[in-house]
Amino acid sequence: MKSSLLPWVALAVSLEFVLVAVWFTGTLLDYDGEERVLVNNKCKCTTVTSRLVPSKENPDEEILERNIRITVPLRSRQNISDPTSPLRTTFVYRMAELCKKCDPVEVELGGEIYEAQQSTSCNEPETCYTYNRDKCYTTTFPFIYHGETKHIQAALTPASCYAD
């Protein structure tokens, strides 16, 4: 079984978007009829969910319904860490980027264990349209004290920068 998967894994590695489809399908194997969250990308303000619903043509069949919710942050800056940068006017959403999983997982192939990740573009920086509340964002600003100007670093997301 595992040796028959090897050519498919090689093909999937060369075609990054196939991995997304495999990941989507894999999460539905233990499907219990409820809506499932496949992607919750806080950086791009998107949520992808899916559920099985009765087919309109044949009520005995179930079809997969996928819902993609995109919240466009209208007051987002081009550089979210710089409050003086111009407002963002272009928002780009690619399913392969939204769904990429960069955390390595261990895979057993041919009796050997390999470390693999589901995307080949994990080293590229991700463009965020809003703050990821789990990440600490800071900026520097001029602070004048007794006539002397100092540049001080300030937290833009204090809850994620400082421990309770």
N, C-alpha and C. Protein backbone atom coordinates (compact mmCIF):
# COMPACT_ATOMS: atom_id res chain seq x y z
N MET A 1 0.83 -1.20 0.00
CA MET A 1 0.00 0.00 0.00
C MET A 1 0.86 1.25 0.00
N LYS A 2 1.87 1.28 0.92
CA LYS A 2 2.70 2.46 1.01
C LYS A 2 3.54 2.66 -0.24
N SER A 3 4.02 1.57 -0.83
CA SER A 3 4.84 1.71 -2.04
C SER A 3 4.00 2.19 -3.21
N SER A 4 2.70 1.89 -3.21
CA SER A 4 1.85 2.37 -4.29
C SER A 4 1.54 3.87 -4.13
N LEU A 5 1.70 4.38 -2.94
CA LEU A 5 1.47 5.80 -2.69
C LEU A 5 2.67 6.67 -3.07
N LEU A 6 3.86 6.06 -3.13
CA LEU A 6 5.08 6.82 -3.39
C LEU A 6 5.03 7.63 -4.67
N PRO A 7 4.59 7.09 -5.82
CA PRO A 7 4.51 7.93 -7.03
C PRO A 7 3.52 9.09 -6.86
N TRP A 8 2.43 8.84 -6.13
CA TRP A 8 1.44 9.90 -5.93
C TRP A 8 1.99 11.00 -5.03
N VAL A 9 2.77 10.62 -4.02
CA VAL A 9 3.37 11.61 -3.15
C VAL A 9 4.37 12.45 -3.93
N ALA A 10 5.16 11.81 -4.80
CA ALA A 10 6.12 12.56 -5.62
C ALA A 10 5.40 13.53 -6.54
N LEU A 11 4.29 13.08 -7.13
CA LEU A 11 3.50 13.96 -7.99
C LEU A 11 2.92 15.11 -7.18
N ALA A 12 2.44 14.80 -5.99
CA ALA A 12 1.85 15.85 -5.15
C ALA A 12 2.88 16.88 -4.72
N VAL A 13 4.12 16.44 -4.47
CA VAL A 13 5.16 17.38 -4.09
C VAL A 13 5.46 18.33 -5.25
N SER A 14 5.44 17.80 -6.46
CA SER A 14 5.73 18.66 -7.61
C SER A 14 4.55 19.57 -7.93
N LEU A 15 3.36 19.17 -7.58
CA LEU A 15 2.17 19.99 -7.81
C LEU A 15 1.60 20.38 -6.45
N GLU A 16 2.01 21.51 -5.96
CA GLU A 16 1.69 21.94 -4.61
C GLU A 16 0.19 21.96 -4.32
N PHE A 17 -0.61 22.35 -5.29
CA PHE A 17 -2.04 22.47 -5.05
C PHE A 17 -2.71 21.13 -4.86
N VAL A 18 -2.12 20.06 -5.33
CA VAL A 18 -2.69 18.73 -5.12
C VAL A 18 -2.66 18.39 -3.64
N LEU A 19 -1.62 18.82 -2.97
CA LEU A 19 -1.53 18.55 -1.54
C LEU A 19 -2.68 19.20 -0.78
N VAL A 20 -3.07 20.37 -1.21
CA VAL A 20 -4.20 21.04 -0.57
C VAL A 20 -5.46 20.21 -0.74
N ALA A 21 -5.67 19.68 -1.95
CA ALA A 21 -6.84 18.86 -2.20
C ALA A 21 -6.80 17.59 -1.36
N VAL A 22 -5.62 16.98 -1.25
CA VAL A 22 -5.49 15.77 -0.43
C VAL A 22 -5.77 16.10 1.02
N TRP A 23 -5.29 17.24 1.48
CA TRP A 23 -5.52 17.64 2.86
C TRP A 23 -7.00 17.88 3.10
N PHE A 24 -7.67 18.58 2.16
CA PHE A 24 -9.10 18.80 2.29
C PHE A 24 -9.85 17.47 2.37
N THR A 25 -9.52 16.56 1.47
CA THR A 25 -10.22 15.29 1.42
C THR A 25 -9.93 14.47 2.67
N GLY A 26 -8.68 14.50 3.12
CA GLY A 26 -8.29 13.73 4.29
C GLY A 26 -9.04 14.14 5.54
N THR A 27 -9.37 15.41 5.67
CA THR A 27 -10.09 15.86 6.86
C THR A 27 -11.55 15.43 6.83
N LEU A 28 -12.05 15.03 5.66
CA LEU A 28 -13.44 14.64 5.56
C LEU A 28 -13.65 13.13 5.70
N LEU A 29 -12.57 12.36 5.81
CA LEU A 29 -12.72 10.91 5.90
C LEU A 29 -13.48 10.49 7.16
N ASP A 30 -13.28 11.20 8.25
CA ASP A 30 -13.99 10.87 9.48
C ASP A 30 -15.14 11.86 9.69
N TYR A 31 -15.83 12.15 8.65
CA TYR A 31 -16.87 13.17 8.63
C TYR A 31 -18.08 12.72 9.43
N ASP A 32 -18.63 13.61 10.26
CA ASP A 32 -19.77 13.27 11.10
C ASP A 32 -21.03 14.05 10.74
N GLY A 33 -21.05 14.72 9.58
CA GLY A 33 -22.25 15.41 9.13
C GLY A 33 -22.31 16.87 9.50
N GLU A 34 -21.44 17.33 10.35
CA GLU A 34 -21.43 18.73 10.75
C GLU A 34 -20.50 19.54 9.85
N GLU A 35 -20.68 20.85 9.89
CA GLU A 35 -19.79 21.73 9.14
C GLU A 35 -18.41 21.71 9.79
N ARG A 36 -17.36 21.56 8.97
CA ARG A 36 -16.00 21.50 9.47
C ARG A 36 -15.21 22.70 8.99
N VAL A 37 -14.40 23.24 9.86
CA VAL A 37 -13.51 24.34 9.49
C VAL A 37 -12.23 23.72 8.93
N LEU A 38 -11.97 23.97 7.65
CA LEU A 38 -10.77 23.45 7.01
C LEU A 38 -9.61 24.42 7.15
N VAL A 39 -9.90 25.71 7.04
CA VAL A 39 -8.88 26.74 7.12
C VAL A 39 -9.44 27.91 7.93
N ASN A 40 -8.65 28.40 8.86
CA ASN A 40 -8.99 29.62 9.57
C ASN A 40 -7.73 30.48 9.57
N ASN A 41 -7.53 31.22 8.48
CA ASN A 41 -6.33 32.02 8.29
C ASN A 41 -6.57 33.43 8.82
N LYS A 42 -6.10 33.69 10.03
CA LYS A 42 -6.33 34.99 10.66
C LYS A 42 -5.51 36.08 10.01
N CYS A 43 -4.40 35.70 9.40
CA CYS A 43 -3.53 36.67 8.74
C CYS A 43 -4.23 37.27 7.51
N LYS A 44 -4.96 36.44 6.76
CA LYS A 44 -5.67 36.90 5.55
C LYS A 44 -7.16 37.10 5.80
N CYS A 45 -7.62 36.91 7.04
CA CYS A 45 -9.03 37.11 7.42
C CYS A 45 -9.95 36.19 6.62
N THR A 46 -9.60 34.94 6.48
CA THR A 46 -10.42 34.00 5.71
C THR A 46 -10.73 32.75 6.52
N THR A 47 -11.89 32.19 6.23
CA THR A 47 -12.29 30.92 6.82
C THR A 47 -12.89 30.06 5.71
N VAL A 48 -12.44 28.81 5.62
CA VAL A 48 -12.98 27.87 4.64
C VAL A 48 -13.61 26.73 5.42
N THR A 49 -14.90 26.49 5.16
CA THR A 49 -15.61 25.40 5.82
C THR A 49 -16.21 24.49 4.76
N SER A 50 -16.56 23.29 5.18
CA SER A 50 -17.23 22.37 4.26
C SER A 50 -18.20 21.50 5.04
N ARG A 51 -19.19 20.99 4.31
CA ARG A 51 -20.15 20.06 4.91
C ARG A 51 -20.81 19.28 3.78
N LEU A 52 -21.36 18.14 4.13
CA LEU A 52 -22.10 17.33 3.16
C LEU A 52 -23.57 17.72 3.23
N VAL A 53 -24.17 17.98 2.07
CA VAL A 53 -25.58 18.36 2.00
C VAL A 53 -26.26 17.47 0.98
N PRO A 54 -27.57 17.27 1.11
CA PRO A 54 -28.29 16.46 0.12
C PRO A 54 -28.26 17.13 -1.25
N SER A 55 -28.07 16.33 -2.27
CA SER A 55 -28.05 16.83 -3.64
C SER A 55 -29.45 17.28 -4.05
N LYS A 56 -29.55 18.37 -4.82
CA LYS A 56 -30.85 18.85 -5.29
C LYS A 56 -31.40 17.93 -6.37
N GLU A 57 -30.50 17.37 -7.19
CA GLU A 57 -30.92 16.48 -8.27
C GLU A 57 -31.31 15.09 -7.75
N ASN A 58 -30.56 14.58 -6.78
CA ASN A 58 -30.80 13.25 -6.23
C ASN A 58 -30.70 13.33 -4.71
N PRO A 59 -31.83 13.40 -4.01
CA PRO A 59 -31.81 13.56 -2.55
C PRO A 59 -31.14 12.39 -1.81
N ASP A 60 -30.94 11.25 -2.49
CA ASP A 60 -30.27 10.12 -1.85
C ASP A 60 -28.75 10.30 -1.80
N GLU A 61 -28.23 11.21 -2.61
CA GLU A 61 -26.79 11.47 -2.64
C GLU A 61 -26.46 12.70 -1.82
N GLU A 62 -25.25 12.70 -1.28
CA GLU A 62 -24.76 13.87 -0.59
C GLU A 62 -23.63 14.47 -1.41
N ILE A 63 -23.60 15.79 -1.49
CA ILE A 63 -22.52 16.47 -2.19
C ILE A 63 -21.77 17.36 -1.19
N LEU A 64 -20.53 17.63 -1.52
CA LEU A 64 -19.70 18.45 -0.65
C LEU A 64 -19.94 19.92 -0.96
N GLU A 65 -20.35 20.66 0.05
CA GLU A 65 -20.54 22.11 -0.08
C GLU A 65 -19.39 22.79 0.63
N ARG A 66 -18.70 23.67 -0.07
CA ARG A 66 -17.57 24.38 0.52
C ARG A 66 -17.91 25.86 0.60
N ASN A 67 -17.73 26.45 1.75
CA ASN A 67 -18.01 27.87 1.97
C ASN A 67 -16.70 28.59 2.28
N ILE A 68 -16.46 29.68 1.56
CA ILE A 68 -15.27 30.48 1.77
C ILE A 68 -15.72 31.86 2.24
N ARG A 69 -15.34 32.23 3.46
CA ARG A 69 -15.70 33.53 4.02
C ARG A 69 -14.45 34.40 4.06
N ILE A 70 -14.53 35.55 3.40
CA ILE A 70 -13.42 36.49 3.37
C ILE A 70 -13.89 37.80 3.98
N THR A 71 -13.21 38.24 5.01
CA THR A 71 -13.48 39.53 5.62
C THR A 71 -12.39 40.48 5.13
N VAL A 72 -12.78 41.49 4.37
CA VAL A 72 -11.81 42.43 3.83
C VAL A 72 -11.64 43.59 4.81
N PRO A 73 -10.45 43.73 5.38
CA PRO A 73 -10.20 44.83 6.31
C PRO A 73 -9.96 46.13 5.53
N LEU A 74 -10.98 46.96 5.44
CA LEU A 74 -10.92 48.14 4.59
C LEU A 74 -9.91 49.19 5.05
N ARG A 75 -9.59 49.23 6.30
CA ARG A 75 -8.63 50.23 6.79
C ARG A 75 -7.24 49.63 7.00
N SER A 76 -6.97 48.54 6.32
CA SER A 76 -5.67 47.87 6.44
C SER A 76 -4.59 48.67 5.71
N ARG A 77 -3.43 48.72 6.28
CA ARG A 77 -2.29 49.42 5.68
C ARG A 77 -1.46 48.47 4.84
N GLN A 78 -0.71 49.01 3.88
CA GLN A 78 0.16 48.16 3.07
C GLN A 78 1.21 47.49 3.94
N ASN A 79 1.72 48.21 4.91
CA ASN A 79 2.62 47.64 5.90
C ASN A 79 1.89 47.74 7.23
N ILE A 80 1.37 46.62 7.72
CA ILE A 80 0.52 46.69 8.92
C ILE A 80 1.27 47.15 10.16
N SER A 81 2.60 47.07 10.15
CA SER A 81 3.38 47.53 11.30
C SER A 81 3.69 49.02 11.24
N ASP A 82 3.33 49.68 10.13
CA ASP A 82 3.60 51.10 9.98
C ASP A 82 2.29 51.86 9.82
N PRO A 83 1.84 52.55 10.87
CA PRO A 83 0.56 53.27 10.79
C PRO A 83 0.54 54.42 9.79
N THR A 84 1.71 54.82 9.29
CA THR A 84 1.76 55.92 8.33
C THR A 84 1.79 55.44 6.88
N SER A 85 1.87 54.12 6.66
CA SER A 85 1.90 53.62 5.28
C SER A 85 0.52 53.78 4.65
N PRO A 86 0.46 53.84 3.30
CA PRO A 86 -0.84 54.05 2.64
C PRO A 86 -1.79 52.87 2.83
N LEU A 87 -3.08 53.13 2.66
CA LEU A 87 -4.08 52.07 2.78
C LEU A 87 -3.89 51.04 1.69
N ARG A 88 -4.14 49.79 2.01
CA ARG A 88 -4.04 48.70 1.04
C ARG A 88 -5.26 48.75 0.13
N THR A 89 -5.02 48.64 -1.17
CA THR A 89 -6.11 48.64 -2.15
C THR A 89 -6.21 47.33 -2.91
N THR A 90 -5.21 46.46 -2.76
CA THR A 90 -5.22 45.18 -3.47
C THR A 90 -5.17 44.04 -2.45
N PHE A 91 -6.08 43.11 -2.59
CA PHE A 91 -6.12 41.93 -1.73
C PHE A 91 -6.10 40.70 -2.64
N VAL A 92 -5.14 39.81 -2.42
CA VAL A 92 -4.99 38.62 -3.26
C VAL A 92 -5.19 37.39 -2.38
N TYR A 93 -6.06 36.49 -2.83
CA TYR A 93 -6.35 35.26 -2.11
C TYR A 93 -6.12 34.08 -3.03
N ARG A 94 -5.20 33.19 -2.66
CA ARG A 94 -4.94 31.96 -3.42
C ARG A 94 -5.16 30.78 -2.48
N MET A 95 -5.98 29.84 -2.92
CA MET A 95 -6.31 28.70 -2.06
C MET A 95 -5.06 27.96 -1.60
N ALA A 96 -4.09 27.78 -2.48
CA ALA A 96 -2.88 27.05 -2.12
C ALA A 96 -2.13 27.77 -0.99
N GLU A 97 -2.14 29.09 -1.00
CA GLU A 97 -1.46 29.84 0.05
C GLU A 97 -2.26 29.84 1.35
N LEU A 98 -3.57 29.93 1.23
CA LEU A 98 -4.41 29.93 2.44
C LEU A 98 -4.31 28.61 3.19
N CYS A 99 -4.19 27.53 2.43
CA CYS A 99 -4.27 26.19 3.01
C CYS A 99 -2.93 25.55 3.29
N LYS A 100 -1.84 26.24 3.00
CA LYS A 100 -0.54 25.60 3.18
C LYS A 100 -0.27 25.32 4.65
N LYS A 101 0.33 24.17 4.87
CA LYS A 101 0.70 23.76 6.22
C LYS A 101 2.21 23.59 6.23
N CYS A 102 2.89 24.41 6.96
CA CYS A 102 4.34 24.40 6.95
C CYS A 102 4.95 23.60 8.10
N ASP A 103 4.14 23.18 9.05
CA ASP A 103 4.67 22.39 10.15
C ASP A 103 5.06 21.01 9.62
N PRO A 104 6.31 20.60 9.84
CA PRO A 104 6.73 19.29 9.33
C PRO A 104 6.04 18.15 10.09
N VAL A 105 5.73 17.10 9.36
CA VAL A 105 5.14 15.90 9.95
C VAL A 105 6.00 14.71 9.58
N GLU A 106 5.96 13.68 10.40
CA GLU A 106 6.73 12.48 10.10
C GLU A 106 5.88 11.53 9.28
N VAL A 107 6.48 11.02 8.18
CA VAL A 107 5.78 10.11 7.27
C VAL A 107 6.64 8.86 7.13
N GLU A 108 5.99 7.70 7.22
CA GLU A 108 6.72 6.44 7.05
C GLU A 108 6.54 5.95 5.63
N LEU A 109 7.65 5.78 4.92
CA LEU A 109 7.63 5.26 3.56
C LEU A 109 8.69 4.17 3.45
N GLY A 110 8.26 2.98 3.06
CA GLY A 110 9.20 1.87 2.88
C GLY A 110 9.92 1.50 4.16
N GLY A 111 9.28 1.62 5.28
CA GLY A 111 9.88 1.26 6.55
C GLY A 111 10.78 2.34 7.14
N GLU A 112 10.99 3.43 6.41
CA GLU A 112 11.81 4.53 6.91
C GLU A 112 10.94 5.74 7.21
N ILE A 113 11.35 6.51 8.20
CA ILE A 113 10.58 7.69 8.59
C ILE A 113 11.24 8.93 7.99
N TYR A 114 10.41 9.74 7.31
CA TYR A 114 10.87 10.98 6.69
C TYR A 114 10.09 12.15 7.28
N GLU A 115 10.73 13.31 7.29
CA GLU A 115 10.03 14.52 7.69
C GLU A 115 9.56 15.23 6.43
N ALA A 116 8.28 15.57 6.39
CA ALA A 116 7.72 16.22 5.20
C ALA A 116 6.82 17.36 5.62
N GLN A 117 6.63 18.28 4.70
CA GLN A 117 5.67 19.36 4.92
C GLN A 117 4.81 19.46 3.67
N GLN A 118 3.63 20.03 3.84
CA GLN A 118 2.65 20.02 2.76
C GLN A 118 2.79 21.17 1.79
N SER A 119 3.81 21.97 1.90
CA SER A 119 3.97 23.09 0.98
C SER A 119 5.44 23.29 0.67
N THR A 120 5.73 23.73 -0.54
CA THR A 120 7.11 24.01 -0.92
C THR A 120 7.44 25.48 -0.80
N SER A 121 6.47 26.31 -0.44
CA SER A 121 6.70 27.76 -0.37
C SER A 121 6.65 28.28 1.06
N CYS A 122 7.15 27.51 2.01
CA CYS A 122 7.07 27.91 3.41
C CYS A 122 8.11 28.95 3.79
N ASN A 123 9.18 29.10 3.01
CA ASN A 123 10.22 30.07 3.35
C ASN A 123 9.87 31.48 2.89
N GLU A 124 8.86 31.60 2.04
CA GLU A 124 8.46 32.91 1.54
C GLU A 124 7.65 33.64 2.62
N PRO A 125 7.90 34.94 2.81
CA PRO A 125 7.12 35.66 3.82
C PRO A 125 5.65 35.79 3.40
N GLU A 126 4.77 35.68 4.39
CA GLU A 126 3.34 35.76 4.11
C GLU A 126 2.89 37.22 4.26
N THR A 127 2.11 37.68 3.29
CA THR A 127 1.55 39.02 3.36
C THR A 127 0.29 38.97 4.20
N CYS A 128 0.29 39.71 5.30
CA CYS A 128 -0.87 39.73 6.18
C CYS A 128 -1.68 41.00 5.93
N TYR A 129 -3.00 40.86 5.96
CA TYR A 129 -3.89 42.00 5.77
C TYR A 129 -4.36 42.58 7.09
N THR A 130 -4.16 41.86 8.15
CA THR A 130 -4.49 42.35 9.48
C THR A 130 -3.57 41.66 10.47
N TYR A 131 -3.62 42.08 11.70
CA TYR A 131 -2.76 41.49 12.70
C TYR A 131 -3.20 40.07 13.03
N ASN A 132 -2.23 39.18 13.11
CA ASN A 132 -2.46 37.85 13.65
C ASN A 132 -2.33 38.01 15.16
N ARG A 133 -3.41 37.82 15.88
CA ARG A 133 -3.42 38.10 17.32
C ARG A 133 -2.47 37.21 18.11
N ASP A 134 -1.97 36.14 17.48
CA ASP A 134 -1.03 35.26 18.17
C ASP A 134 0.42 35.71 17.97
N LYS A 135 0.65 36.73 17.14
CA LYS A 135 2.00 37.19 16.82
C LYS A 135 2.21 38.59 17.40
N CYS A 136 3.42 38.86 17.82
CA CYS A 136 3.75 40.16 18.40
C CYS A 136 4.23 41.10 17.30
N TYR A 137 3.54 42.22 17.13
CA TYR A 137 3.93 43.25 16.17
C TYR A 137 4.38 44.49 16.94
N THR A 138 5.52 45.05 16.51
CA THR A 138 6.03 46.25 17.16
C THR A 138 6.40 47.30 16.11
N THR A 139 6.54 48.52 16.54
CA THR A 139 7.00 49.62 15.69
C THR A 139 7.80 50.57 16.56
N THR A 140 8.64 51.36 15.92
CA THR A 140 9.38 52.38 16.66
C THR A 140 8.78 53.74 16.35
N PHE A 141 8.84 54.62 17.33
CA PHE A 141 8.32 55.97 17.14
C PHE A 141 9.19 56.94 17.93
N PRO A 142 9.24 58.21 17.47
CA PRO A 142 10.05 59.21 18.19
C PRO A 142 9.35 59.65 19.48
N PHE A 143 10.10 59.69 20.55
CA PHE A 143 9.58 60.09 21.85
C PHE A 143 10.44 61.24 22.36
N ILE A 144 9.83 62.38 22.64
CA ILE A 144 10.57 63.55 23.10
C ILE A 144 10.39 63.67 24.61
N TYR A 145 11.53 63.67 25.32
CA TYR A 145 11.52 63.77 26.77
C TYR A 145 12.60 64.75 27.18
N HIS A 146 12.20 65.85 27.85
CA HIS A 146 13.12 66.92 28.26
C HIS A 146 13.93 67.45 27.08
N GLY A 147 13.25 67.61 25.93
CA GLY A 147 13.89 68.17 24.75
C GLY A 147 14.76 67.19 23.97
N GLU A 148 14.91 65.99 24.46
CA GLU A 148 15.73 64.98 23.79
C GLU A 148 14.82 63.96 23.10
N THR A 149 15.12 63.67 21.84
CA THR A 149 14.31 62.73 21.07
C THR A 149 14.94 61.35 21.12
N LYS A 150 14.14 60.38 21.53
CA LYS A 150 14.59 58.98 21.55
C LYS A 150 13.61 58.16 20.72
N HIS A 151 14.10 57.13 20.07
CA HIS A 151 13.24 56.22 19.33
C HIS A 151 12.94 55.03 20.22
N ILE A 152 11.67 54.87 20.50
CA ILE A 152 11.22 53.82 21.42
C ILE A 152 10.38 52.80 20.66
N GLN A 153 10.53 51.56 21.04
CA GLN A 153 9.75 50.49 20.41
C GLN A 153 8.45 50.30 21.19
N ALA A 154 7.35 50.22 20.46
CA ALA A 154 6.04 50.06 21.09
C ALA A 154 5.34 48.84 20.49
N ALA A 155 4.56 48.18 21.31
CA ALA A 155 3.82 46.99 20.86
C ALA A 155 2.52 47.42 20.19
N LEU A 156 2.28 46.93 18.99
CA LEU A 156 1.03 47.19 18.29
C LEU A 156 -0.04 46.18 18.69
N THR A 157 0.38 45.01 19.15
CA THR A 157 -0.54 43.99 19.66
C THR A 157 -0.04 43.58 21.06
N PRO A 158 -0.33 44.41 22.06
CA PRO A 158 0.22 44.17 23.41
C PRO A 158 -0.16 42.82 24.01
N ALA A 159 -1.34 42.33 23.73
CA ALA A 159 -1.78 41.07 24.34
C ALA A 159 -0.88 39.90 23.92
N SER A 160 -0.34 39.92 22.72
CA SER A 160 0.51 38.83 22.27
C SER A 160 1.99 39.11 22.53
N CYS A 161 2.34 40.33 22.90
CA CYS A 161 3.74 40.67 23.14
C CYS A 161 4.17 40.47 24.60
N TYR A 162 3.22 40.58 25.52
CA TYR A 162 3.55 40.50 26.92
C TYR A 162 2.80 39.36 27.57
N ALA A 163 3.52 38.59 28.38
CA ALA A 163 2.88 37.48 29.10
C ALA A 163 2.02 38.06 30.23
N ASP A 164 0.97 37.32 30.59
CA ASP A 164 0.07 37.76 31.68
C ASP A 164 0.78 37.77 33.01
